[in-house]
């Protein structure tokens, strides 16, 4: 038994809770809404990844879209939407997920979207792209590193965010700054 307050490798690290009021004006889908989001940021997750999850929520927002329960859970995505029978209509992952995980998700879900980002995104796509391109219900969207790093600067424990989507352009910001996100579509699924 260690001294009180000392690091104990057997103790699980707890997630940090962030809250965001997210206003969305999506002229592409004719979707307008305000969402009160509660984000549990796992200790292994940084601000950049958390804010990419927020962006992914904004880009796919609807009343039944939910965050997955934890990072590293192969059974749940970062975001998902289920139908009334419990079937998965939409599976969303961010980052550079394992190609086998994504193929499995394509078999379980009507539609799968991956938002790739970071220095390794091009290499990840070179290695997995040919195999992933066989999945007809998969879309892969690459986010520029400058944009995702800009999104990280918006992170705070209590955020007021707005997202505007119009004519293929995306802006996510708070009252002080807006971050333009010019995504590149690597693969567009049929679903």
N, C-alpha and C. Protein backbone atom coordinates (compact mmCIF):
# COMPACT_ATOMS: atom_id res chain seq x y z
N UNK A 1 0.84 -1.17 0.00
CA UNK A 1 0.00 0.00 0.00
C UNK A 1 0.88 1.23 0.00
N UNK A 2 0.62 2.15 -0.92
CA UNK A 2 1.42 3.37 -1.03
C UNK A 2 0.88 4.46 -0.11
N UNK A 3 1.58 5.53 -0.13
CA UNK A 3 1.13 6.67 0.67
C UNK A 3 -0.06 7.33 0.01
N UNK A 4 -0.93 7.99 0.78
CA UNK A 4 -2.10 8.64 0.21
C UNK A 4 -1.70 9.67 -0.84
N UNK A 5 -2.40 9.66 -1.94
CA UNK A 5 -2.16 10.63 -3.01
C UNK A 5 -1.05 10.21 -3.97
N UNK A 6 -0.33 9.14 -3.68
CA UNK A 6 0.74 8.68 -4.56
C UNK A 6 0.12 7.97 -5.77
N UNK A 7 0.85 7.96 -6.87
CA UNK A 7 0.39 7.29 -8.08
C UNK A 7 0.30 5.79 -7.82
N UNK A 8 -0.80 5.23 -8.20
CA UNK A 8 -1.01 3.79 -8.07
C UNK A 8 -1.36 3.27 -9.45
N UNK A 9 -0.49 2.47 -10.09
CA UNK A 9 -0.77 2.01 -11.45
C UNK A 9 -2.03 1.17 -11.55
N UNK A 10 -2.52 0.65 -10.45
CA UNK A 10 -3.74 -0.14 -10.48
C UNK A 10 -5.00 0.72 -10.50
N UNK A 11 -4.84 2.00 -10.21
CA UNK A 11 -6.01 2.89 -10.20
C UNK A 11 -6.32 3.35 -11.62
N UNK A 12 -7.56 3.31 -11.99
CA UNK A 12 -7.96 3.77 -13.31
C UNK A 12 -7.99 5.30 -13.33
N UNK A 13 -7.47 5.87 -14.40
CA UNK A 13 -7.53 7.31 -14.56
C UNK A 13 -8.94 7.68 -15.01
N UNK A 14 -9.43 8.77 -14.48
CA UNK A 14 -10.80 9.18 -14.79
C UNK A 14 -10.82 10.17 -15.93
N UNK A 15 -11.93 10.15 -16.66
CA UNK A 15 -12.13 11.09 -17.76
C UNK A 15 -12.41 12.48 -17.19
N UNK A 16 -12.02 13.50 -17.95
CA UNK A 16 -12.33 14.88 -17.61
C UNK A 16 -13.59 15.26 -18.38
N UNK A 17 -14.52 15.89 -17.72
CA UNK A 17 -15.79 16.25 -18.34
C UNK A 17 -15.71 17.66 -18.90
N UNK A 18 -16.11 17.79 -20.16
CA UNK A 18 -16.21 19.08 -20.84
C UNK A 18 -17.66 19.25 -21.27
N UNK A 19 -18.11 20.48 -21.29
CA UNK A 19 -19.48 20.77 -21.73
C UNK A 19 -19.42 21.80 -22.86
N UNK A 20 -20.29 21.61 -23.83
CA UNK A 20 -20.33 22.52 -24.97
C UNK A 20 -21.78 22.78 -25.36
N UNK A 21 -22.08 24.03 -25.56
CA UNK A 21 -23.34 24.41 -26.21
C UNK A 21 -22.97 24.65 -27.66
N UNK A 22 -23.47 23.80 -28.54
CA UNK A 22 -23.09 23.84 -29.95
C UNK A 22 -24.29 24.25 -30.80
N UNK A 23 -24.16 25.40 -31.45
CA UNK A 23 -25.19 25.86 -32.38
C UNK A 23 -24.74 25.51 -33.79
N UNK A 24 -25.63 24.87 -34.54
CA UNK A 24 -25.29 24.40 -35.88
C UNK A 24 -26.22 25.02 -36.90
N UNK A 25 -25.61 25.59 -37.95
CA UNK A 25 -26.36 26.07 -39.11
C UNK A 25 -25.77 25.35 -40.32
N UNK A 26 -26.41 24.27 -40.73
CA UNK A 26 -25.93 23.45 -41.85
C UNK A 26 -26.83 23.68 -43.05
N UNK A 27 -26.41 24.61 -43.90
CA UNK A 27 -27.20 24.93 -45.09
C UNK A 27 -27.18 23.80 -46.12
N UNK A 28 -26.18 22.93 -46.06
CA UNK A 28 -26.08 21.80 -46.99
C UNK A 28 -27.22 20.81 -46.76
N UNK A 29 -27.52 20.53 -45.49
CA UNK A 29 -28.55 19.55 -45.13
C UNK A 29 -29.83 20.22 -44.65
N UNK A 30 -29.86 21.54 -44.63
CA UNK A 30 -31.00 22.29 -44.11
C UNK A 30 -31.29 21.87 -42.66
N UNK A 31 -30.21 21.80 -41.87
CA UNK A 31 -30.31 21.41 -40.46
C UNK A 31 -29.85 22.58 -39.59
N UNK A 32 -30.70 22.96 -38.65
CA UNK A 32 -30.39 24.05 -37.72
C UNK A 32 -30.78 23.58 -36.32
N UNK A 33 -29.85 23.67 -35.40
CA UNK A 33 -30.17 23.22 -34.06
C UNK A 33 -29.11 23.61 -33.05
N UNK A 34 -29.49 23.51 -31.79
CA UNK A 34 -28.57 23.75 -30.69
C UNK A 34 -28.51 22.47 -29.86
N UNK A 35 -27.30 22.04 -29.55
CA UNK A 35 -27.09 20.81 -28.80
C UNK A 35 -26.27 21.11 -27.55
N UNK A 36 -26.71 20.57 -26.44
CA UNK A 36 -25.95 20.63 -25.19
C UNK A 36 -25.15 19.34 -25.11
N UNK A 37 -23.84 19.44 -25.33
CA UNK A 37 -22.98 18.26 -25.37
C UNK A 37 -22.21 18.10 -24.07
N UNK A 38 -22.11 16.86 -23.62
CA UNK A 38 -21.24 16.52 -22.50
C UNK A 38 -20.21 15.55 -23.06
N UNK A 39 -18.94 15.96 -22.99
CA UNK A 39 -17.86 15.16 -23.54
C UNK A 39 -16.99 14.64 -22.41
N UNK A 40 -16.79 13.35 -22.39
CA UNK A 40 -15.88 12.75 -21.43
C UNK A 40 -14.55 12.57 -22.16
N UNK A 41 -13.55 13.37 -21.79
CA UNK A 41 -12.25 13.27 -22.44
C UNK A 41 -11.38 12.29 -21.66
N UNK A 42 -11.09 11.17 -22.27
CA UNK A 42 -10.25 10.13 -21.68
C UNK A 42 -8.84 10.70 -21.46
N UNK A 43 -8.13 10.27 -20.42
CA UNK A 43 -6.78 10.79 -20.18
C UNK A 43 -5.82 10.62 -21.37
N UNK A 44 -6.06 9.63 -22.22
CA UNK A 44 -5.19 9.43 -23.37
C UNK A 44 -5.57 10.33 -24.56
N UNK A 45 -6.67 11.05 -24.44
CA UNK A 45 -7.14 11.91 -25.53
C UNK A 45 -6.66 13.34 -25.31
N UNK A 46 -6.26 14.00 -26.38
CA UNK A 46 -5.85 15.40 -26.27
C UNK A 46 -6.97 16.32 -26.76
N UNK A 47 -6.76 17.64 -26.61
CA UNK A 47 -7.78 18.61 -27.01
C UNK A 47 -8.09 18.52 -28.50
N UNK A 48 -7.07 18.27 -29.31
CA UNK A 48 -7.28 18.20 -30.76
C UNK A 48 -8.26 17.09 -31.11
N UNK A 49 -8.05 15.90 -30.57
CA UNK A 49 -8.95 14.77 -30.87
C UNK A 49 -10.36 15.03 -30.36
N UNK A 50 -10.46 15.59 -29.16
CA UNK A 50 -11.78 15.87 -28.60
C UNK A 50 -12.54 16.87 -29.49
N UNK A 51 -11.84 17.89 -29.96
CA UNK A 51 -12.51 18.89 -30.79
C UNK A 51 -12.83 18.35 -32.18
N UNK A 52 -12.06 17.40 -32.68
CA UNK A 52 -12.42 16.74 -33.94
C UNK A 52 -13.70 15.94 -33.74
N UNK A 53 -13.87 15.35 -32.56
CA UNK A 53 -15.14 14.66 -32.26
C UNK A 53 -16.31 15.65 -32.28
N UNK A 54 -16.09 16.85 -31.74
CA UNK A 54 -17.14 17.88 -31.75
C UNK A 54 -17.46 18.27 -33.19
N UNK A 55 -16.43 18.46 -34.00
CA UNK A 55 -16.65 18.79 -35.41
C UNK A 55 -17.41 17.68 -36.11
N UNK A 56 -17.03 16.43 -35.87
CA UNK A 56 -17.73 15.29 -36.48
C UNK A 56 -19.20 15.28 -36.06
N UNK A 57 -19.47 15.63 -34.80
CA UNK A 57 -20.86 15.71 -34.34
C UNK A 57 -21.60 16.77 -35.16
N UNK A 58 -20.99 17.94 -35.30
CA UNK A 58 -21.65 19.04 -36.04
C UNK A 58 -21.93 18.65 -37.49
N UNK A 59 -21.00 17.95 -38.11
CA UNK A 59 -21.16 17.59 -39.52
C UNK A 59 -22.21 16.51 -39.75
N UNK A 60 -22.56 15.77 -38.71
CA UNK A 60 -23.53 14.68 -38.84
C UNK A 60 -24.72 14.85 -37.90
N UNK A 61 -24.88 16.02 -37.34
CA UNK A 61 -25.85 16.25 -36.26
C UNK A 61 -27.27 15.86 -36.63
N UNK A 62 -27.90 15.23 -35.67
CA UNK A 62 -29.34 14.99 -35.67
C UNK A 62 -29.70 14.66 -34.22
N UNK A 63 -30.98 14.50 -33.96
CA UNK A 63 -31.44 14.32 -32.59
C UNK A 63 -31.07 12.96 -31.99
N UNK A 64 -30.67 11.99 -32.80
CA UNK A 64 -30.34 10.68 -32.25
C UNK A 64 -28.85 10.33 -32.34
N UNK A 65 -28.01 11.29 -32.71
CA UNK A 65 -26.57 11.07 -32.77
C UNK A 65 -25.99 11.14 -31.36
N UNK A 66 -25.18 10.13 -30.99
CA UNK A 66 -24.62 10.04 -29.65
C UNK A 66 -23.13 9.77 -29.70
N UNK A 67 -22.42 10.22 -28.65
CA UNK A 67 -21.02 9.88 -28.50
C UNK A 67 -20.91 8.46 -27.99
N UNK A 68 -19.88 7.73 -28.44
CA UNK A 68 -19.61 6.39 -27.93
C UNK A 68 -19.17 6.48 -26.47
N UNK A 69 -19.18 5.35 -25.79
CA UNK A 69 -18.94 5.37 -24.35
C UNK A 69 -17.48 5.53 -23.96
N UNK A 70 -16.55 5.05 -24.77
CA UNK A 70 -15.15 5.20 -24.37
C UNK A 70 -14.21 5.01 -25.54
N UNK A 71 -13.03 5.60 -25.41
CA UNK A 71 -11.99 5.45 -26.42
C UNK A 71 -11.38 4.06 -26.28
N UNK A 72 -11.07 3.47 -27.41
CA UNK A 72 -10.43 2.15 -27.37
C UNK A 72 -11.41 1.00 -27.26
N UNK A 73 -12.70 1.30 -27.29
CA UNK A 73 -13.73 0.26 -27.23
C UNK A 73 -14.02 -0.17 -28.67
N UNK A 74 -13.66 -1.40 -29.02
CA UNK A 74 -13.87 -1.89 -30.38
C UNK A 74 -15.34 -2.05 -30.73
N UNK A 75 -16.19 -2.10 -29.74
CA UNK A 75 -17.62 -2.32 -29.99
C UNK A 75 -18.38 -1.03 -30.25
N UNK A 76 -17.77 0.11 -29.95
CA UNK A 76 -18.45 1.39 -30.14
C UNK A 76 -17.56 2.38 -30.87
N UNK A 77 -18.17 3.20 -31.72
CA UNK A 77 -17.41 4.23 -32.42
C UNK A 77 -17.30 5.49 -31.56
N UNK A 78 -16.68 6.51 -32.14
CA UNK A 78 -16.63 7.81 -31.46
C UNK A 78 -18.02 8.44 -31.40
N UNK A 79 -18.78 8.27 -32.46
CA UNK A 79 -20.17 8.75 -32.54
C UNK A 79 -20.98 7.70 -33.28
N UNK A 80 -22.26 7.62 -32.93
CA UNK A 80 -23.12 6.73 -33.68
C UNK A 80 -24.58 7.14 -33.58
N UNK A 81 -25.32 6.63 -34.55
CA UNK A 81 -26.77 6.84 -34.60
C UNK A 81 -27.39 5.47 -34.83
N UNK A 82 -28.34 5.14 -33.96
CA UNK A 82 -29.05 3.87 -34.10
C UNK A 82 -30.50 4.13 -34.51
N UNK A 83 -31.11 3.14 -35.13
CA UNK A 83 -32.52 3.25 -35.45
C UNK A 83 -33.35 2.71 -34.28
N UNK A 84 -34.65 2.70 -34.43
CA UNK A 84 -35.54 2.30 -33.33
C UNK A 84 -35.40 0.82 -32.96
N UNK A 85 -34.86 0.01 -33.87
CA UNK A 85 -34.68 -1.41 -33.57
C UNK A 85 -33.32 -1.70 -32.93
N UNK A 86 -32.46 -0.67 -32.82
CA UNK A 86 -31.13 -0.86 -32.26
C UNK A 86 -30.07 -1.07 -33.33
N UNK A 87 -30.48 -1.12 -34.59
CA UNK A 87 -29.52 -1.25 -35.68
C UNK A 87 -28.72 0.04 -35.83
N UNK A 88 -27.49 -0.09 -36.24
CA UNK A 88 -26.61 1.08 -36.37
C UNK A 88 -26.79 1.68 -37.76
N UNK A 89 -27.28 2.91 -37.80
CA UNK A 89 -27.46 3.62 -39.07
C UNK A 89 -26.18 4.33 -39.49
N UNK A 90 -25.47 4.90 -38.49
CA UNK A 90 -24.26 5.68 -38.78
C UNK A 90 -23.20 5.37 -37.73
N UNK A 91 -21.99 5.10 -38.18
CA UNK A 91 -20.82 4.84 -37.34
C UNK A 91 -19.79 5.88 -37.74
N UNK A 92 -19.29 6.68 -36.79
CA UNK A 92 -18.30 7.71 -37.06
C UNK A 92 -17.07 7.48 -36.18
N UNK A 93 -15.91 7.39 -36.82
CA UNK A 93 -14.64 7.32 -36.10
C UNK A 93 -13.77 8.50 -36.51
N UNK A 94 -12.95 8.98 -35.58
CA UNK A 94 -12.00 10.05 -35.87
C UNK A 94 -10.58 9.53 -35.64
N UNK A 95 -9.63 10.10 -36.37
CA UNK A 95 -8.25 9.68 -36.23
C UNK A 95 -7.85 8.75 -37.35
N UNK A 96 -7.02 7.78 -37.00
CA UNK A 96 -6.49 6.82 -37.96
C UNK A 96 -6.81 5.41 -37.48
N UNK A 97 -8.09 5.02 -37.54
CA UNK A 97 -8.50 3.73 -36.99
C UNK A 97 -7.94 2.55 -37.78
N UNK A 98 -7.85 1.44 -37.11
CA UNK A 98 -7.39 0.20 -37.72
C UNK A 98 -8.31 -0.19 -38.87
N UNK A 99 -7.71 -0.61 -39.97
CA UNK A 99 -8.48 -0.95 -41.17
C UNK A 99 -9.46 -2.08 -40.91
N UNK A 100 -9.09 -3.07 -40.09
CA UNK A 100 -10.00 -4.18 -39.77
C UNK A 100 -11.20 -3.68 -38.98
N UNK A 101 -10.98 -2.74 -38.07
CA UNK A 101 -12.08 -2.15 -37.30
C UNK A 101 -13.10 -1.48 -38.22
N UNK A 102 -12.59 -0.74 -39.20
CA UNK A 102 -13.48 -0.02 -40.12
C UNK A 102 -14.23 -1.00 -41.02
N UNK A 103 -13.57 -2.02 -41.51
CA UNK A 103 -14.27 -3.02 -42.33
C UNK A 103 -15.36 -3.71 -41.52
N UNK A 104 -15.06 -4.02 -40.25
CA UNK A 104 -16.07 -4.63 -39.36
C UNK A 104 -17.24 -3.66 -39.17
N UNK A 105 -16.94 -2.38 -38.98
CA UNK A 105 -17.99 -1.37 -38.81
C UNK A 105 -18.86 -1.29 -40.06
N UNK A 106 -18.25 -1.40 -41.24
CA UNK A 106 -19.01 -1.35 -42.49
C UNK A 106 -20.00 -2.51 -42.60
N UNK A 107 -19.65 -3.64 -42.00
CA UNK A 107 -20.56 -4.78 -41.99
C UNK A 107 -21.68 -4.64 -40.98
N UNK A 108 -21.48 -3.81 -39.97
CA UNK A 108 -22.48 -3.65 -38.90
C UNK A 108 -23.37 -2.43 -39.08
N UNK A 109 -22.97 -1.48 -39.91
CA UNK A 109 -23.66 -0.21 -39.99
C UNK A 109 -24.10 0.11 -41.41
N UNK A 110 -25.16 0.88 -41.51
CA UNK A 110 -25.63 1.31 -42.82
C UNK A 110 -24.66 2.26 -43.49
N UNK A 111 -24.01 3.10 -42.69
CA UNK A 111 -23.08 4.11 -43.21
C UNK A 111 -21.95 4.30 -42.22
N UNK A 112 -20.72 4.42 -42.72
CA UNK A 112 -19.55 4.63 -41.88
C UNK A 112 -18.79 5.85 -42.41
N UNK A 113 -18.38 6.73 -41.49
CA UNK A 113 -17.59 7.91 -41.86
C UNK A 113 -16.37 7.95 -40.96
N UNK A 114 -15.19 8.12 -41.57
CA UNK A 114 -13.94 8.30 -40.83
C UNK A 114 -13.43 9.70 -41.13
N UNK A 115 -13.15 10.46 -40.07
CA UNK A 115 -12.52 11.77 -40.19
C UNK A 115 -11.06 11.58 -39.80
N UNK A 116 -10.19 11.47 -40.81
CA UNK A 116 -8.77 11.26 -40.56
C UNK A 116 -8.08 12.60 -40.41
N UNK A 117 -7.03 12.62 -39.59
CA UNK A 117 -6.26 13.85 -39.40
C UNK A 117 -4.91 13.50 -38.80
N UNK A 118 -4.01 14.45 -38.84
CA UNK A 118 -2.70 14.28 -38.23
C UNK A 118 -1.60 14.00 -39.24
N UNK A 119 -0.37 14.02 -38.74
CA UNK A 119 0.80 13.84 -39.61
C UNK A 119 0.80 12.50 -40.31
N UNK A 120 0.24 11.48 -39.70
CA UNK A 120 0.27 10.14 -40.28
C UNK A 120 -0.88 9.83 -41.21
N UNK A 121 -1.75 10.79 -41.50
CA UNK A 121 -2.96 10.51 -42.28
C UNK A 121 -2.65 10.02 -43.69
N UNK A 122 -1.66 10.64 -44.36
CA UNK A 122 -1.33 10.20 -45.72
C UNK A 122 -0.78 8.78 -45.73
N UNK A 123 0.10 8.48 -44.79
CA UNK A 123 0.66 7.13 -44.70
C UNK A 123 -0.43 6.11 -44.37
N UNK A 124 -1.32 6.46 -43.43
CA UNK A 124 -2.44 5.58 -43.06
C UNK A 124 -3.28 5.27 -44.31
N UNK A 125 -3.57 6.30 -45.10
CA UNK A 125 -4.39 6.09 -46.29
C UNK A 125 -3.66 5.24 -47.32
N UNK A 126 -2.34 5.46 -47.48
CA UNK A 126 -1.56 4.64 -48.42
C UNK A 126 -1.62 3.17 -48.03
N UNK A 127 -1.55 2.90 -46.73
CA UNK A 127 -1.53 1.52 -46.27
C UNK A 127 -2.91 0.87 -46.27
N UNK A 128 -3.95 1.62 -45.95
CA UNK A 128 -5.29 1.03 -45.79
C UNK A 128 -6.26 1.39 -46.90
N UNK A 129 -5.96 2.39 -47.70
CA UNK A 129 -6.91 2.92 -48.68
C UNK A 129 -7.47 1.92 -49.66
N UNK A 130 -6.60 1.08 -50.25
CA UNK A 130 -7.08 0.11 -51.24
C UNK A 130 -8.08 -0.87 -50.64
N UNK A 131 -7.80 -1.35 -49.43
CA UNK A 131 -8.71 -2.29 -48.77
C UNK A 131 -10.01 -1.59 -48.37
N UNK A 132 -9.89 -0.38 -47.86
CA UNK A 132 -11.08 0.35 -47.41
C UNK A 132 -11.96 0.78 -48.58
N UNK A 133 -11.37 1.04 -49.72
CA UNK A 133 -12.13 1.50 -50.89
C UNK A 133 -13.14 0.47 -51.38
N UNK A 134 -12.98 -0.78 -50.96
CA UNK A 134 -13.93 -1.83 -51.35
C UNK A 134 -15.26 -1.72 -50.62
N UNK A 135 -15.28 -0.97 -49.52
CA UNK A 135 -16.50 -0.82 -48.71
C UNK A 135 -17.37 0.27 -49.31
N UNK A 136 -18.50 -0.12 -49.84
CA UNK A 136 -19.37 0.83 -50.55
C UNK A 136 -20.06 1.83 -49.63
N UNK A 137 -20.19 1.51 -48.33
CA UNK A 137 -20.89 2.39 -47.41
C UNK A 137 -19.93 3.23 -46.56
N UNK A 138 -18.68 3.34 -46.98
CA UNK A 138 -17.66 4.06 -46.22
C UNK A 138 -17.29 5.37 -46.90
N UNK A 139 -17.22 6.43 -46.11
CA UNK A 139 -16.66 7.71 -46.56
C UNK A 139 -15.47 8.03 -45.66
N UNK A 140 -14.39 8.51 -46.27
CA UNK A 140 -13.21 8.93 -45.52
C UNK A 140 -12.95 10.39 -45.86
N UNK A 141 -12.90 11.21 -44.83
CA UNK A 141 -12.71 12.64 -45.00
C UNK A 141 -11.47 13.05 -44.22
N UNK A 142 -10.51 13.66 -44.93
CA UNK A 142 -9.26 14.07 -44.30
C UNK A 142 -9.36 15.53 -43.88
N UNK A 143 -8.99 15.79 -42.64
CA UNK A 143 -9.02 17.15 -42.09
C UNK A 143 -7.60 17.70 -42.03
N UNK A 144 -7.37 18.92 -42.54
CA UNK A 144 -6.02 19.47 -42.54
C UNK A 144 -5.51 19.70 -41.12
N UNK A 145 -4.21 19.45 -40.95
CA UNK A 145 -3.61 19.55 -39.63
C UNK A 145 -3.70 20.96 -39.06
N UNK A 146 -3.57 21.98 -39.89
CA UNK A 146 -3.67 23.35 -39.39
C UNK A 146 -5.06 23.61 -38.81
N UNK A 147 -6.08 23.05 -39.44
CA UNK A 147 -7.45 23.24 -38.94
C UNK A 147 -7.66 22.50 -37.63
N UNK A 148 -7.20 21.24 -37.54
CA UNK A 148 -7.44 20.48 -36.30
C UNK A 148 -6.65 21.07 -35.14
N UNK A 149 -5.48 21.60 -35.42
CA UNK A 149 -4.72 22.27 -34.36
C UNK A 149 -5.41 23.56 -33.95
N UNK A 150 -6.03 24.25 -34.91
CA UNK A 150 -6.82 25.45 -34.58
C UNK A 150 -8.04 25.10 -33.74
N UNK A 151 -8.67 23.97 -34.03
CA UNK A 151 -9.82 23.52 -33.24
C UNK A 151 -9.41 23.25 -31.80
N UNK A 152 -8.21 22.70 -31.61
CA UNK A 152 -7.73 22.39 -30.26
C UNK A 152 -7.68 23.64 -29.39
N UNK A 153 -7.42 24.79 -30.00
CA UNK A 153 -7.35 26.05 -29.26
C UNK A 153 -8.71 26.52 -28.77
N UNK A 154 -9.78 25.95 -29.31
CA UNK A 154 -11.14 26.29 -28.88
C UNK A 154 -11.56 25.52 -27.62
N UNK A 155 -10.80 24.50 -27.26
CA UNK A 155 -11.18 23.60 -26.15
C UNK A 155 -11.19 24.34 -24.82
N UNK A 156 -12.22 24.09 -24.05
CA UNK A 156 -12.36 24.62 -22.70
C UNK A 156 -13.38 23.78 -21.95
N UNK A 157 -13.35 23.87 -20.66
CA UNK A 157 -14.27 23.03 -19.86
C UNK A 157 -15.73 23.37 -20.12
N UNK A 158 -16.04 24.64 -20.39
CA UNK A 158 -17.40 25.07 -20.73
C UNK A 158 -17.31 25.91 -22.00
N UNK A 159 -17.79 25.35 -23.10
CA UNK A 159 -17.64 26.02 -24.40
C UNK A 159 -18.99 26.46 -24.96
N UNK A 160 -18.97 27.58 -25.65
CA UNK A 160 -20.09 28.04 -26.45
C UNK A 160 -19.56 28.09 -27.88
N UNK A 161 -20.02 27.14 -28.69
CA UNK A 161 -19.49 26.97 -30.04
C UNK A 161 -20.59 27.15 -31.07
N UNK A 162 -20.17 27.56 -32.26
CA UNK A 162 -21.10 27.60 -33.38
C UNK A 162 -20.41 27.00 -34.59
N UNK A 163 -21.20 26.32 -35.40
CA UNK A 163 -20.68 25.69 -36.60
C UNK A 163 -21.57 26.08 -37.77
N UNK A 164 -20.94 26.59 -38.82
CA UNK A 164 -21.65 26.96 -40.04
C UNK A 164 -21.11 26.11 -41.18
N UNK A 165 -22.03 25.52 -41.92
CA UNK A 165 -21.68 24.67 -43.05
C UNK A 165 -22.45 25.20 -44.26
N UNK A 166 -21.69 25.64 -45.27
CA UNK A 166 -22.34 26.24 -46.44
C UNK A 166 -21.42 26.14 -47.64
N UNK A 167 -21.96 25.72 -48.77
CA UNK A 167 -21.22 25.65 -50.04
C UNK A 167 -19.90 24.89 -49.91
N UNK A 168 -19.93 23.77 -49.18
CA UNK A 168 -18.74 22.96 -49.02
C UNK A 168 -17.72 23.53 -48.03
N UNK A 169 -18.02 24.62 -47.40
CA UNK A 169 -17.14 25.25 -46.42
C UNK A 169 -17.67 25.00 -45.01
N UNK A 170 -16.74 24.84 -44.07
CA UNK A 170 -17.11 24.59 -42.67
C UNK A 170 -16.32 25.56 -41.79
N UNK A 171 -17.01 26.19 -40.84
CA UNK A 171 -16.38 27.03 -39.84
C UNK A 171 -16.87 26.60 -38.48
N UNK A 172 -15.95 26.36 -37.57
CA UNK A 172 -16.30 26.05 -36.18
C UNK A 172 -15.59 27.08 -35.32
N UNK A 173 -16.31 27.66 -34.39
CA UNK A 173 -15.68 28.68 -33.57
C UNK A 173 -16.44 28.98 -32.31
N UNK A 174 -15.88 29.93 -31.58
CA UNK A 174 -16.50 30.44 -30.36
C UNK A 174 -16.70 31.94 -30.56
N UNK A 175 -17.15 32.68 -29.55
CA UNK A 175 -17.37 34.12 -29.76
C UNK A 175 -16.10 34.90 -30.14
N UNK A 176 -14.92 34.35 -29.87
CA UNK A 176 -13.68 35.08 -30.13
C UNK A 176 -12.99 34.73 -31.43
N UNK A 177 -13.17 33.50 -31.92
CA UNK A 177 -12.46 33.11 -33.14
C UNK A 177 -13.21 32.03 -33.90
N UNK A 178 -12.99 32.02 -35.21
CA UNK A 178 -13.57 31.01 -36.10
C UNK A 178 -12.44 30.24 -36.77
N UNK A 179 -12.59 28.93 -36.85
CA UNK A 179 -11.59 28.09 -37.51
C UNK A 179 -12.21 27.54 -38.79
N UNK A 180 -11.66 27.92 -39.95
CA UNK A 180 -12.14 27.33 -41.20
C UNK A 180 -11.58 25.91 -41.36
N UNK A 181 -12.42 25.00 -41.82
CA UNK A 181 -12.00 23.61 -42.01
C UNK A 181 -12.28 23.24 -43.45
N UNK A 182 -11.22 23.06 -44.23
CA UNK A 182 -11.37 22.67 -45.63
C UNK A 182 -11.02 21.19 -45.76
N UNK A 183 -12.02 20.38 -45.62
CA UNK A 183 -11.84 18.93 -45.63
C UNK A 183 -11.63 18.42 -47.04
N UNK A 184 -10.86 17.35 -47.15
CA UNK A 184 -10.64 16.69 -48.43
C UNK A 184 -11.32 15.32 -48.37
N UNK A 185 -12.18 15.04 -49.33
CA UNK A 185 -12.85 13.74 -49.37
C UNK A 185 -11.91 12.75 -50.06
N UNK A 186 -11.48 11.75 -49.31
CA UNK A 186 -10.62 10.70 -49.86
C UNK A 186 -11.45 9.59 -50.48
N UNK A 187 -12.61 9.33 -49.88
CA UNK A 187 -13.48 8.26 -50.36
C UNK A 187 -14.92 8.64 -50.03
N UNK A 188 -15.78 8.58 -51.04
CA UNK A 188 -17.19 8.91 -50.82
C UNK A 188 -18.01 7.63 -51.01
N UNK A 189 -18.64 7.21 -49.90
CA UNK A 189 -19.46 6.00 -49.94
C UNK A 189 -20.78 6.23 -50.62
N UNK A 190 -21.39 5.15 -51.06
CA UNK A 190 -22.69 5.22 -51.74
C UNK A 190 -23.84 5.45 -50.78
N UNK A 191 -23.69 5.00 -49.54
CA UNK A 191 -24.82 5.07 -48.61
C UNK A 191 -25.08 6.48 -48.15
